[in-house]
Amino acid sequence: SIPFDKDIIVASSIHKHIKRYKKALDKLSKGMDAQSLNEVVHPIAGGGSVGKAMRGVEEVMTSWNNATAALSAAAAAANTTTTSQQDDDDES
């Protein structure tokens, strides 16, 4: 698994390139059935099947979304804990 570092992803703008790549693949695959996606080889897919490239992009995007959600949940939990501790200190 590739480690997730949102700061590096944003700084490198890789997320923008992947979104553009996904749009290009979506446009290319429009009207193709599932079987064709696995059979059609196109330069934009790096010489592999269009379907395989699309699955790879989806996997990366899903991984990043899950990692972002986990980081957000951890930050919210830390914020709740800090707020609870501050409330306890205020009551003392």
N, C-alpha and C. Protein backbone atom coordinates (compact mmCIF):
# COMPACT_ATOMS: atom_id res chain seq x y z
N SER A 1 0.84 -1.19 0.00
CA SER A 1 0.00 0.00 0.00
C SER A 1 0.88 1.25 0.00
N ILE A 2 0.47 2.22 -0.77
CA ILE A 2 1.21 3.47 -0.85
C ILE A 2 0.78 4.35 0.33
N PRO A 3 1.75 4.88 1.10
CA PRO A 3 1.37 5.74 2.22
C PRO A 3 0.65 7.00 1.72
N PHE A 4 -0.26 7.49 2.52
CA PHE A 4 -1.06 8.66 2.14
C PHE A 4 -0.52 9.88 2.86
N ASP A 5 -0.15 10.90 2.10
CA ASP A 5 0.27 12.17 2.67
C ASP A 5 -0.41 13.26 1.85
N LYS A 6 -1.50 13.79 2.41
CA LYS A 6 -2.31 14.76 1.68
C LYS A 6 -1.50 15.98 1.27
N ASP A 7 -0.59 16.44 2.12
CA ASP A 7 0.21 17.63 1.80
C ASP A 7 1.05 17.41 0.54
N ILE A 8 1.64 16.23 0.42
CA ILE A 8 2.45 15.92 -0.76
C ILE A 8 1.57 15.82 -2.00
N ILE A 9 0.42 15.21 -1.85
CA ILE A 9 -0.50 15.05 -2.98
C ILE A 9 -0.94 16.42 -3.49
N VAL A 10 -1.29 17.31 -2.58
CA VAL A 10 -1.73 18.65 -2.97
C VAL A 10 -0.57 19.45 -3.57
N ALA A 11 0.59 19.39 -2.92
CA ALA A 11 1.75 20.15 -3.40
C ALA A 11 2.19 19.70 -4.79
N SER A 12 2.09 18.43 -5.07
CA SER A 12 2.53 17.91 -6.37
C SER A 12 1.46 18.04 -7.45
N SER A 13 0.24 18.34 -7.04
CA SER A 13 -0.91 18.44 -7.94
C SER A 13 -1.22 17.12 -8.65
N ILE A 14 -0.75 16.01 -8.11
CA ILE A 14 -0.99 14.71 -8.74
C ILE A 14 -2.49 14.40 -8.80
N HIS A 15 -3.23 14.87 -7.80
CA HIS A 15 -4.67 14.61 -7.79
C HIS A 15 -5.35 15.23 -9.02
N LYS A 16 -4.86 16.38 -9.47
CA LYS A 16 -5.42 17.02 -10.66
C LYS A 16 -5.13 16.20 -11.91
N HIS A 17 -3.92 15.67 -11.99
CA HIS A 17 -3.54 14.84 -13.14
C HIS A 17 -4.37 13.56 -13.18
N ILE A 18 -4.59 12.97 -12.03
CA ILE A 18 -5.38 11.73 -11.98
C ILE A 18 -6.83 12.01 -12.36
N LYS A 19 -7.38 13.14 -11.91
CA LYS A 19 -8.75 13.48 -12.29
C LYS A 19 -8.86 13.70 -13.80
N ARG A 20 -7.87 14.37 -14.40
CA ARG A 20 -7.87 14.57 -15.86
C ARG A 20 -7.74 13.23 -16.60
N TYR A 21 -6.90 12.37 -16.07
CA TYR A 21 -6.72 11.04 -16.66
C TYR A 21 -8.02 10.25 -16.60
N LYS A 22 -8.70 10.34 -15.46
CA LYS A 22 -9.98 9.65 -15.29
C LYS A 22 -11.00 10.17 -16.31
N LYS A 23 -11.05 11.49 -16.49
CA LYS A 23 -11.98 12.07 -17.46
C LYS A 23 -11.66 11.58 -18.88
N ALA A 24 -10.39 11.52 -19.22
CA ALA A 24 -9.99 11.05 -20.55
C ALA A 24 -10.38 9.59 -20.73
N LEU A 25 -10.18 8.78 -19.70
CA LEU A 25 -10.56 7.37 -19.79
C LEU A 25 -12.07 7.22 -19.89
N ASP A 26 -12.80 8.03 -19.12
CA ASP A 26 -14.27 7.98 -19.18
C ASP A 26 -14.77 8.33 -20.58
N LYS A 27 -14.17 9.36 -21.17
CA LYS A 27 -14.57 9.79 -22.51
C LYS A 27 -14.25 8.70 -23.53
N LEU A 28 -13.08 8.09 -23.40
CA LEU A 28 -12.65 7.03 -24.31
C LEU A 28 -13.56 5.81 -24.20
N SER A 29 -13.99 5.50 -22.99
CA SER A 29 -14.75 4.27 -22.76
C SER A 29 -16.25 4.44 -22.97
N LYS A 30 -16.70 5.65 -23.22
CA LYS A 30 -18.13 5.89 -23.40
C LYS A 30 -18.68 5.01 -24.52
N GLY A 31 -19.70 4.27 -24.20
CA GLY A 31 -20.34 3.39 -25.17
C GLY A 31 -19.74 2.00 -25.26
N MET A 32 -18.64 1.75 -24.55
CA MET A 32 -18.04 0.42 -24.56
C MET A 32 -18.71 -0.47 -23.51
N ASP A 33 -18.85 -1.75 -23.85
CA ASP A 33 -19.35 -2.67 -22.84
C ASP A 33 -18.18 -3.19 -22.00
N ALA A 34 -18.49 -3.91 -20.93
CA ALA A 34 -17.47 -4.39 -20.00
C ALA A 34 -16.42 -5.26 -20.70
N GLN A 35 -16.84 -6.09 -21.61
CA GLN A 35 -15.91 -6.97 -22.32
C GLN A 35 -14.94 -6.15 -23.18
N SER A 36 -15.48 -5.14 -23.87
CA SER A 36 -14.63 -4.29 -24.72
C SER A 36 -13.59 -3.55 -23.89
N LEU A 37 -13.98 -3.09 -22.69
CA LEU A 37 -13.05 -2.37 -21.84
C LEU A 37 -11.82 -3.20 -21.52
N ASN A 38 -12.02 -4.49 -21.35
CA ASN A 38 -10.90 -5.38 -21.03
C ASN A 38 -10.08 -5.77 -22.26
N GLU A 39 -10.66 -5.63 -23.43
CA GLU A 39 -9.97 -6.03 -24.65
C GLU A 39 -9.29 -4.87 -25.37
N VAL A 40 -9.87 -3.68 -25.29
CA VAL A 40 -9.35 -2.54 -26.04
C VAL A 40 -8.08 -2.02 -25.37
N VAL A 41 -7.03 -1.93 -26.17
CA VAL A 41 -5.75 -1.39 -25.73
C VAL A 41 -5.60 -0.02 -26.39
N HIS A 42 -5.20 0.96 -25.59
CA HIS A 42 -5.09 2.32 -26.12
C HIS A 42 -3.87 2.98 -25.50
N PRO A 43 -3.17 3.83 -26.25
CA PRO A 43 -1.98 4.51 -25.70
C PRO A 43 -2.26 5.28 -24.41
N ILE A 44 -3.44 5.86 -24.30
CA ILE A 44 -3.75 6.61 -23.08
C ILE A 44 -3.79 5.69 -21.86
N ALA A 45 -4.00 4.41 -22.08
CA ALA A 45 -4.03 3.43 -20.99
C ALA A 45 -2.64 2.84 -20.75
N GLY A 46 -1.63 3.47 -21.29
CA GLY A 46 -0.26 3.01 -21.07
C GLY A 46 0.05 1.71 -21.77
N GLY A 47 -0.68 1.41 -22.83
CA GLY A 47 -0.44 0.18 -23.57
C GLY A 47 -1.20 -1.01 -23.02
N GLY A 48 -1.92 -0.80 -21.91
CA GLY A 48 -2.73 -1.87 -21.33
C GLY A 48 -4.19 -1.68 -21.70
N SER A 49 -5.03 -2.50 -21.13
CA SER A 49 -6.46 -2.39 -21.44
C SER A 49 -7.03 -1.15 -20.76
N VAL A 50 -8.02 -0.57 -21.41
CA VAL A 50 -8.68 0.62 -20.88
C VAL A 50 -9.35 0.27 -19.55
N GLY A 51 -9.96 -0.90 -19.48
CA GLY A 51 -10.63 -1.31 -18.25
C GLY A 51 -9.66 -1.42 -17.07
N LYS A 52 -8.48 -1.96 -17.32
CA LYS A 52 -7.49 -2.11 -16.26
C LYS A 52 -7.01 -0.73 -15.79
N ALA A 53 -6.81 0.20 -16.71
CA ALA A 53 -6.40 1.56 -16.34
C ALA A 53 -7.49 2.24 -15.51
N MET A 54 -8.74 2.04 -15.92
CA MET A 54 -9.86 2.65 -15.18
C MET A 54 -9.96 2.08 -13.76
N ARG A 55 -9.77 0.77 -13.63
CA ARG A 55 -9.82 0.15 -12.30
C ARG A 55 -8.67 0.67 -11.42
N GLY A 56 -7.51 0.87 -12.00
CA GLY A 56 -6.37 1.40 -11.26
C GLY A 56 -6.64 2.80 -10.74
N VAL A 57 -7.20 3.64 -11.60
CA VAL A 57 -7.53 5.01 -11.20
C VAL A 57 -8.58 4.99 -10.08
N GLU A 58 -9.59 4.17 -10.24
CA GLU A 58 -10.64 4.07 -9.21
C GLU A 58 -10.06 3.59 -7.88
N GLU A 59 -9.13 2.65 -7.96
CA GLU A 59 -8.51 2.12 -6.75
C GLU A 59 -7.73 3.22 -6.01
N VAL A 60 -6.98 4.01 -6.76
CA VAL A 60 -6.22 5.11 -6.15
C VAL A 60 -7.16 6.13 -5.54
N MET A 61 -8.18 6.51 -6.28
CA MET A 61 -9.11 7.53 -5.78
C MET A 61 -9.87 7.03 -4.55
N THR A 62 -10.28 5.78 -4.56
CA THR A 62 -10.97 5.21 -3.40
C THR A 62 -10.03 5.16 -2.20
N SER A 63 -8.80 4.76 -2.43
CA SER A 63 -7.81 4.70 -1.36
C SER A 63 -7.60 6.08 -0.74
N TRP A 64 -7.46 7.10 -1.58
CA TRP A 64 -7.27 8.46 -1.08
C TRP A 64 -8.51 8.96 -0.34
N ASN A 65 -9.70 8.66 -0.87
CA ASN A 65 -10.94 9.08 -0.18
C ASN A 65 -11.05 8.43 1.18
N ASN A 66 -10.72 7.14 1.26
CA ASN A 66 -10.77 6.43 2.54
C ASN A 66 -9.75 6.99 3.53
N ALA A 67 -8.55 7.28 3.03
CA ALA A 67 -7.50 7.84 3.90
C ALA A 67 -7.89 9.23 4.39
N THR A 68 -8.47 10.04 3.52
CA THR A 68 -8.92 11.37 3.91
C THR A 68 -10.02 11.28 4.95
N ALA A 69 -10.95 10.36 4.76
CA ALA A 69 -12.03 10.17 5.73
C ALA A 69 -11.48 9.73 7.08
N ALA A 70 -10.51 8.83 7.07
CA ALA A 70 -9.91 8.35 8.31
C ALA A 70 -9.17 9.49 9.03
N LEU A 71 -8.45 10.32 8.26
CA LEU A 71 -7.76 11.46 8.87
C LEU A 71 -8.75 12.45 9.45
N SER A 72 -9.84 12.69 8.73
CA SER A 72 -10.87 13.62 9.22
C SER A 72 -11.52 13.09 10.49
N ALA A 73 -11.79 11.80 10.51
CA ALA A 73 -12.40 11.19 11.70
C ALA A 73 -11.45 11.25 12.88
N ALA A 74 -10.17 11.01 12.64
CA ALA A 74 -9.18 11.07 13.72
C ALA A 74 -9.05 12.50 14.23
N ALA A 75 -9.07 13.48 13.33
CA ALA A 75 -8.98 14.88 13.75
C ALA A 75 -10.21 15.29 14.54
N ALA A 76 -11.38 14.83 14.11
CA ALA A 76 -12.61 15.15 14.83
C ALA A 76 -12.61 14.50 16.21
N ALA A 77 -12.13 13.27 16.30
CA ALA A 77 -12.06 12.59 17.59
C ALA A 77 -11.08 13.30 18.51
N ALA A 78 -9.95 13.73 17.97
CA ALA A 78 -8.96 14.46 18.77
C ALA A 78 -9.53 15.79 19.24
N ASN A 79 -10.29 16.44 18.37
CA ASN A 79 -10.91 17.71 18.72
C ASN A 79 -11.95 17.52 19.81
N THR A 80 -12.73 16.45 19.73
CA THR A 80 -13.75 16.14 20.74
C THR A 80 -13.08 15.86 22.08
N THR A 81 -11.99 15.11 22.06
CA THR A 81 -11.26 14.79 23.29
C THR A 81 -10.70 16.06 23.91
N THR A 82 -10.11 16.92 23.08
CA THR A 82 -9.54 18.18 23.57
C THR A 82 -10.63 19.06 24.15
N THR A 83 -11.76 19.15 23.47
CA THR A 83 -12.88 19.97 23.95
C THR A 83 -13.41 19.42 25.27
N SER A 84 -13.53 18.09 25.37
CA SER A 84 -14.00 17.47 26.61
C SER A 84 -13.04 17.74 27.75
N GLN A 85 -11.75 17.67 27.49
CA GLN A 85 -10.76 17.94 28.52
C GLN A 85 -10.81 19.39 28.94
N GLN A 86 -11.02 20.31 27.99
CA GLN A 86 -11.11 21.72 28.33
C GLN A 86 -12.36 21.98 29.17
N ASP A 87 -13.47 21.33 28.83
CA ASP A 87 -14.70 21.48 29.62
C ASP A 87 -14.50 20.98 31.04
N ASP A 88 -13.78 19.85 31.18
CA ASP A 88 -13.49 19.31 32.50
C ASP A 88 -12.62 20.27 33.29
N ASP A 89 -11.63 20.89 32.64
CA ASP A 89 -10.77 21.85 33.31
C ASP A 89 -11.55 23.09 33.72
N ASP A 90 -12.49 23.53 32.89
CA ASP A 90 -13.30 24.71 33.20
C ASP A 90 -14.19 24.47 34.40
N GLU A 91 -14.66 23.22 34.56
CA GLU A 91 -15.54 22.88 35.67
C GLU A 91 -14.77 22.78 36.99
N SER A 92 -13.48 22.55 36.93
CA SER A 92 -12.66 22.37 38.14
C SER A 92 -12.45 23.64 38.88
